[in-house]
Protein backbone atom coordinates (compact mmCIF):
# COMPACT_ATOMS: atom_id res chain seq x y z
CA UNK A 1 107.72 103.39 137.38
CA UNK A 2 109.39 102.75 133.71
CA UNK A 3 110.84 99.52 134.47
CA UNK A 4 107.01 97.64 135.45
CA UNK A 5 105.56 100.03 132.30
CA UNK A 6 108.01 97.96 129.87
CA UNK A 7 107.14 94.90 131.98
CA UNK A 8 103.61 95.28 131.31
CA UNK A 9 104.27 96.12 127.46
CA UNK A 10 106.51 92.97 126.78
CA UNK A 11 103.05 91.29 128.69
CA UNK A 12 101.02 92.75 125.91
CA UNK A 13 102.86 91.98 123.30
CA UNK A 14 104.02 88.50 124.00
CA UNK A 15 100.96 87.41 125.36
CA UNK A 16 98.05 89.43 123.94
CA UNK A 17 99.64 89.64 120.64
CA UNK A 18 99.05 93.32 120.31
CA UNK A 19 100.20 95.34 117.39
CA UNK A 20 103.24 97.43 117.36
CA UNK A 21 100.87 100.35 116.70
CA UNK A 22 99.19 99.32 119.79
CA UNK A 23 101.74 98.89 122.28
CA UNK A 24 103.08 102.50 121.28
CA UNK A 25 99.98 104.13 121.74
CA UNK A 26 99.95 102.26 124.80
CA UNK A 27 103.88 103.39 125.89
CA UNK A 28 102.64 106.96 124.92
CA UNK A 29 99.44 107.10 127.75
CA UNK A 30 101.74 105.38 130.11
CA UNK A 31 104.62 106.99 129.55
CA UNK A 32 102.34 110.69 130.13
CA UNK A 33 100.75 109.06 133.31
CA UNK A 34 104.01 108.34 134.79
CA UNK A 35 105.60 111.97 134.11
CA UNK A 36 102.09 113.08 136.19
CA UNK A 37 102.78 111.12 138.96
CA UNK A 38 106.67 111.72 139.64
CA UNK A 39 106.23 115.92 139.17
CA UNK A 40 102.85 115.80 141.57
CA UNK A 41 104.91 113.24 144.15
CA UNK A 42 102.53 109.76 143.44
CA UNK A 43 103.94 106.39 144.16
CA UNK A 44 102.00 105.20 140.52
CA UNK A 45 101.28 101.58 142.00
CA UNK A 46 100.02 103.18 145.18
CA UNK A 47 97.71 105.38 143.29
CA UNK A 48 93.78 106.36 144.55
CA UNK A 49 90.94 106.83 142.28
CA UNK A 50 91.23 110.09 143.39
CA UNK A 51 95.00 110.59 142.24
CA UNK A 52 93.78 109.12 138.73
CA UNK A 53 90.70 111.04 138.87
CA UNK A 54 92.51 114.66 138.94
CA UNK A 55 95.23 113.50 136.06
CA UNK A 56 91.82 112.60 134.05
CA UNK A 57 90.81 115.71 134.85
CA UNK A 58 94.04 117.59 134.07
CA UNK A 59 93.84 116.35 130.39
CA UNK A 60 91.01 117.43 130.07
CA UNK A 61 91.59 120.72 130.71
CA UNK A 62 95.02 121.03 128.70
CA UNK A 63 92.25 120.67 125.87
CA UNK A 64 92.70 117.50 124.66
CA UNK A 65 89.89 115.34 122.95
CA UNK A 66 87.72 113.30 124.48
CA UNK A 67 88.85 110.53 122.64
CA UNK A 68 92.18 110.53 123.48
CA UNK A 69 91.39 111.29 126.90
CA UNK A 70 89.09 108.20 127.18
CA UNK A 71 92.54 106.24 125.62
CA UNK A 72 94.67 107.16 128.01
CA UNK A 73 92.24 106.18 130.73
CA UNK A 74 91.89 102.94 128.97
CA UNK A 75 95.77 102.50 129.13
CA UNK A 76 95.99 103.36 132.66
CA UNK A 77 92.82 100.44 132.96
CA UNK A 78 94.62 97.83 131.57
CA UNK A 79 98.08 98.76 133.64
CA UNK A 80 95.61 98.37 136.73
CA UNK A 81 93.80 95.16 135.96
CA UNK A 82 96.90 93.80 134.75
CA UNK A 83 98.53 94.38 138.18
CA UNK A 84 95.46 93.10 140.28
CA UNK A 85 95.98 89.87 138.05
CA UNK A 86 99.44 89.19 139.03
CA UNK A 87 99.12 90.60 142.92
CA UNK A 88 101.62 93.63 141.84
CA UNK A 89 98.69 95.29 143.48
CA UNK A 90 95.41 94.37 145.60
CA UNK A 91 93.02 96.11 143.43
CA UNK A 92 92.12 98.11 140.16
CA UNK A 93 92.33 101.86 141.76
CA UNK A 94 90.55 102.90 137.78
CA UNK A 95 87.14 100.14 138.40
CA UNK A 96 85.00 103.07 139.22
CA UNK A 97 86.31 105.61 136.78
CA UNK A 98 83.93 106.48 133.87
CA UNK A 99 85.49 108.10 130.22
CA UNK A 100 84.88 111.60 129.22
CA UNK A 101 81.96 112.44 127.07
CA UNK A 102 82.61 112.58 123.81
CA UNK A 103 79.99 114.17 120.58
CA UNK A 104 79.07 111.17 118.35
CA UNK A 105 80.89 111.45 115.45
CA UNK A 106 80.07 109.57 112.48
CA UNK A 107 82.20 107.89 110.39
CA UNK A 108 82.96 109.01 107.15
CA UNK A 109 80.77 106.87 104.22
CA UNK A 110 80.36 106.82 100.66
CA UNK A 111 77.18 106.42 99.26
CA UNK A 112 76.65 102.92 96.63
CA UNK A 113 77.25 105.30 93.60
CA UNK A 114 79.94 107.33 94.48
CA UNK A 115 81.58 103.94 96.21
CA UNK A 116 81.16 102.77 92.09
CA UNK A 117 82.56 106.49 91.11
CA UNK A 118 85.17 106.02 92.70
CA UNK A 119 86.41 102.32 92.32
CA UNK A 120 86.33 102.87 88.74
CA UNK A 121 89.11 105.69 88.77
CA UNK A 122 91.60 103.90 88.36
CA UNK A 123 90.60 102.82 84.98
CA UNK A 124 90.00 106.47 83.70
CA UNK A 125 91.95 108.98 85.92
CA UNK A 126 95.44 107.83 84.45
CA UNK A 127 98.12 107.87 87.52
CA UNK A 128 100.25 105.05 89.27
CA UNK A 129 99.18 101.91 88.44
CA UNK A 130 95.39 100.91 87.52
CA UNK A 131 95.55 97.30 87.53
CA UNK A 132 96.52 97.38 90.89
CA UNK A 133 94.56 99.93 92.51
CA UNK A 134 91.35 99.19 91.43
CA UNK A 135 92.19 95.90 92.85
CA UNK A 136 92.96 97.49 95.90
CA UNK A 137 89.96 99.86 96.26
CA UNK A 138 87.54 97.09 96.00
CA UNK A 139 89.48 94.42 98.26
CA UNK A 140 89.68 97.02 101.01
CA UNK A 141 85.76 97.97 100.24
CA UNK A 142 84.00 93.97 99.09
CA UNK A 143 85.81 93.03 102.49
CA UNK A 144 85.51 95.53 104.87
CA UNK A 145 89.19 95.62 105.92
CA UNK A 146 91.54 97.38 108.09
CA UNK A 147 94.59 98.97 106.15
CA UNK A 148 97.02 97.27 108.68
CA UNK A 149 95.00 93.74 107.31
CA UNK A 150 94.80 94.66 104.06
CA UNK A 151 99.15 95.45 103.74
CA UNK A 152 99.88 92.40 105.69
CA UNK A 153 96.85 90.22 102.94
CA UNK A 154 99.41 86.74 101.75
CA UNK A 155 98.98 85.13 98.56
CA UNK A 156 99.01 82.24 100.86
CA UNK A 157 95.70 83.22 102.80
CA UNK A 158 93.85 83.70 99.56
CA UNK A 159 91.66 80.86 98.69
CA UNK A 160 92.59 80.05 94.62
CA UNK A 161 88.79 81.06 93.57
CA UNK A 162 89.91 84.35 95.10
CA UNK A 163 86.11 84.46 96.46
CA UNK A 164 88.13 85.12 100.06
CA UNK A 165 90.74 84.94 102.38
CA UNK A 166 91.53 84.83 106.36
CA UNK A 167 92.25 87.49 107.73
CA UNK A 168 94.73 88.45 111.34
CA UNK A 169 93.27 91.24 113.19
CA UNK A 170 93.60 93.26 115.67
CA UNK A 171 95.13 91.60 118.83
CA UNK A 172 96.19 88.26 117.07
CA UNK A 173 92.18 87.57 116.43
CA UNK A 174 91.54 85.15 113.15
CA UNK A 175 88.66 85.80 110.65
CA UNK A 176 87.61 85.18 106.83
CA UNK A 177 87.27 87.68 104.34
CA UNK A 178 84.75 87.41 101.49
CA UNK A 179 85.73 89.18 97.81
CA UNK A 180 83.15 90.46 95.60
CA UNK A 181 82.52 89.44 91.94
CA UNK A 182 83.65 92.85 90.63
CA UNK A 183 87.15 92.57 93.61
CA UNK A 184 87.62 89.04 92.52
CA UNK A 185 87.54 90.14 88.87
CA UNK A 186 89.93 93.45 89.57
CA UNK A 187 91.90 90.88 91.00
CA UNK A 188 92.45 88.46 88.75
CA UNK A 189 93.28 91.55 86.22
CA UNK A 190 95.81 92.94 88.68
CA UNK A 191 97.54 89.31 89.27
CA UNK A 192 99.70 88.54 85.64
CA UNK A 193 100.82 92.34 86.04
CA UNK A 194 102.01 91.97 89.73
CA UNK A 195 103.69 88.18 88.62
CA UNK A 196 105.46 89.88 85.78
CA UNK A 197 106.60 92.62 87.95
CA UNK A 198 107.78 90.53 90.82
CA UNK A 199 109.60 88.24 87.98
CA UNK A 200 111.56 91.60 87.18
CA UNK A 201 113.30 91.26 90.83
CA UNK A 202 113.61 87.02 90.35
CA UNK A 203 111.05 87.30 93.02
CA UNK A 204 108.43 83.70 93.40
CA UNK A 205 104.97 85.92 92.82
CA UNK A 206 103.74 82.45 93.95
CA UNK A 207 104.07 83.78 98.06
CA UNK A 208 104.36 87.20 99.65
CA UNK A 209 101.94 90.47 100.23
CA UNK A 210 99.18 90.59 97.40
CA UNK A 211 100.21 93.92 97.06
CA UNK A 212 103.10 95.16 96.06
CA UNK A 213 104.84 98.25 94.62
CA UNK A 214 106.18 98.95 91.14
CA UNK A 215 109.51 97.94 93.00
CA UNK A 216 108.09 94.53 93.83
CA UNK A 217 107.96 94.90 97.80
CA UNK A 218 105.05 94.54 100.17
CA UNK A 219 102.79 97.74 99.82
CA UNK A 220 103.06 99.57 102.86
CA UNK A 221 100.19 101.83 105.70
CA UNK A 222 101.98 104.65 104.19
CA UNK A 223 101.70 103.72 100.96
CA UNK A 224 98.22 102.67 100.66
CA UNK A 225 96.93 105.84 102.45
CA UNK A 226 99.53 107.88 99.87
CA UNK A 227 96.83 105.93 96.76
CA UNK A 228 93.51 106.35 98.26
CA UNK A 229 94.58 110.82 99.29
CA UNK A 230 95.55 110.48 95.27
CA UNK A 231 92.14 109.04 93.71
CA UNK A 232 90.92 111.29 96.61
CA UNK A 233 92.38 114.00 95.12
CA UNK A 234 90.60 112.98 91.36
CA UNK A 235 86.96 112.11 92.13
CA UNK A 236 85.86 115.63 93.10
CA UNK A 237 83.34 113.92 95.48
CA UNK A 238 83.55 116.21 97.71
CA UNK A 239 84.18 114.02 100.56
CA UNK A 240 87.01 113.31 103.40
CA UNK A 241 88.28 110.29 101.42
CA UNK A 242 91.08 108.05 103.43
CA UNK A 243 91.60 103.92 103.36
CA UNK A 244 89.27 103.76 106.59
CA UNK A 245 85.85 105.51 104.65
CA UNK A 246 86.12 102.54 102.56
CA UNK A 247 85.49 99.82 105.71
CA UNK A 248 83.27 102.22 107.15
CA UNK A 249 81.52 102.76 103.62
CA UNK A 250 81.47 98.50 103.23
CA UNK A 251 79.50 98.19 106.57
CA UNK A 252 77.25 100.75 106.67
CA UNK A 253 76.10 98.98 103.01
CA UNK A 254 75.36 96.37 104.80
CA UNK A 255 73.63 98.09 107.82
CA UNK A 256 71.31 99.68 105.10
CA UNK A 257 70.89 96.48 103.16
CA UNK A 258 69.12 94.73 106.36
CA UNK A 259 72.26 93.46 106.90
CA UNK A 260 72.12 92.10 110.72
CA UNK A 261 74.75 93.76 112.63
CA UNK A 262 75.84 90.64 114.57
CA UNK A 263 76.80 89.27 111.20
CA UNK A 264 78.45 92.64 109.95
CA UNK A 265 80.34 92.97 113.33
CA UNK A 266 81.88 89.62 112.62
CA UNK A 267 82.78 90.75 109.34
CA UNK A 268 84.39 93.80 110.69
CA UNK A 269 86.37 91.29 113.33
CA UNK A 270 85.10 94.25 116.13
CA UNK A 271 85.30 92.52 119.61
CA UNK A 272 82.06 95.03 120.63
CA UNK A 273 78.83 94.98 119.06
CA UNK A 274 78.60 99.11 121.00
CA UNK A 275 81.12 99.37 117.77
CA UNK A 276 79.68 98.33 114.74
CA UNK A 277 76.42 99.87 116.00
CA UNK A 278 77.08 103.19 115.31
CA UNK A 279 77.27 101.89 111.40
CA UNK A 280 73.06 102.27 112.21
CA UNK A 281 72.94 105.71 113.15
CA UNK A 282 74.62 106.59 110.17
CA UNK A 283 71.57 104.79 108.46
CA UNK A 284 69.03 107.33 110.57
CA UNK A 285 71.34 110.24 109.36
CA UNK A 286 70.80 109.76 105.78
CA UNK A 287 67.34 108.58 105.92
CA UNK A 288 66.75 112.13 108.41
CA UNK A 289 68.39 114.30 104.88
CA UNK A 290 65.93 111.63 102.47
CA UNK A 291 62.96 112.39 104.90
CA UNK A 292 63.70 116.45 104.93
CA UNK A 293 63.99 116.65 101.21
CA UNK A 294 61.14 114.43 99.75
CA UNK A 295 58.61 115.73 103.12
CA UNK A 296 56.13 118.68 101.76
CA UNK A 297 57.02 119.99 105.56
CA UNK A 298 60.36 118.45 105.71
CA UNK A 299 62.18 121.04 103.39
CA UNK A 300 61.25 124.79 103.80
CA UNK A 301 62.32 127.99 102.02
CA UNK A 302 63.97 130.63 103.45
CA UNK A 303 61.70 132.94 105.15
CA UNK A 304 58.54 130.27 104.63
CA UNK A 305 56.49 128.81 107.16
CA UNK A 306 54.70 125.96 107.51
CA UNK A 307 50.44 125.98 106.82
CA UNK A 308 48.76 124.04 108.83
């Protein structure tokens, strides 16, 4: 079982172009499944739909979140799909299995005024590297970047006018993203400081990562999370602000402004439209709150009844 899992992971890396993080997730899920099969005396290559369904039921009974259970099922589906495709098995036993129902969880979003306030924090907070941090926040927000896309953003992939860049997203898919005038101005202000910093270490500033650490090294994913968390503590906004919240805010603001959801899908690099459509639900929730606050029957004082 371990050998065939390694063969499958190798296929995902070399042919499908999956990231290391994705491969780690698949490996973890399939190792859990392989261990279950071993303990239960099941030959994984010959497992029936019932046996896989029982494994999923056992995960649910362990109080593992529905999202994690569904991710595990997705990993197993892909594993058997690969086996069927390359004639290692005649069928895919997961074809008829459905995902576990998950509660609708709306993404954490900063509204326009909150986002403007957060983006301006580096100028006033007096912490870290103000020029870099403002450019970093506005770049993530104005282009709707994933954190992995931000850290891999290189000078060579940015237009000379600083208004667009070529991004390699999940699964090696390329797309173009665009920067707002405010983001362009912030990047332009940051670049001389970046060049000077790299020159201190004898590094050519015309190439390499756009965002760097004070030591002249490409900024890391944990580094970006730490930067955002530091400003989140300073913001006083009272929301769960993390790097992906900037991407959520980008998408929500576009949908709220009337942008077609399919265009937003392209800008985000989503494979599935259903993933993008959740941002319409965020807008609906906001509209409900506005209605409840504004309509005479929407908001009632405690113990007060509507007179009809």
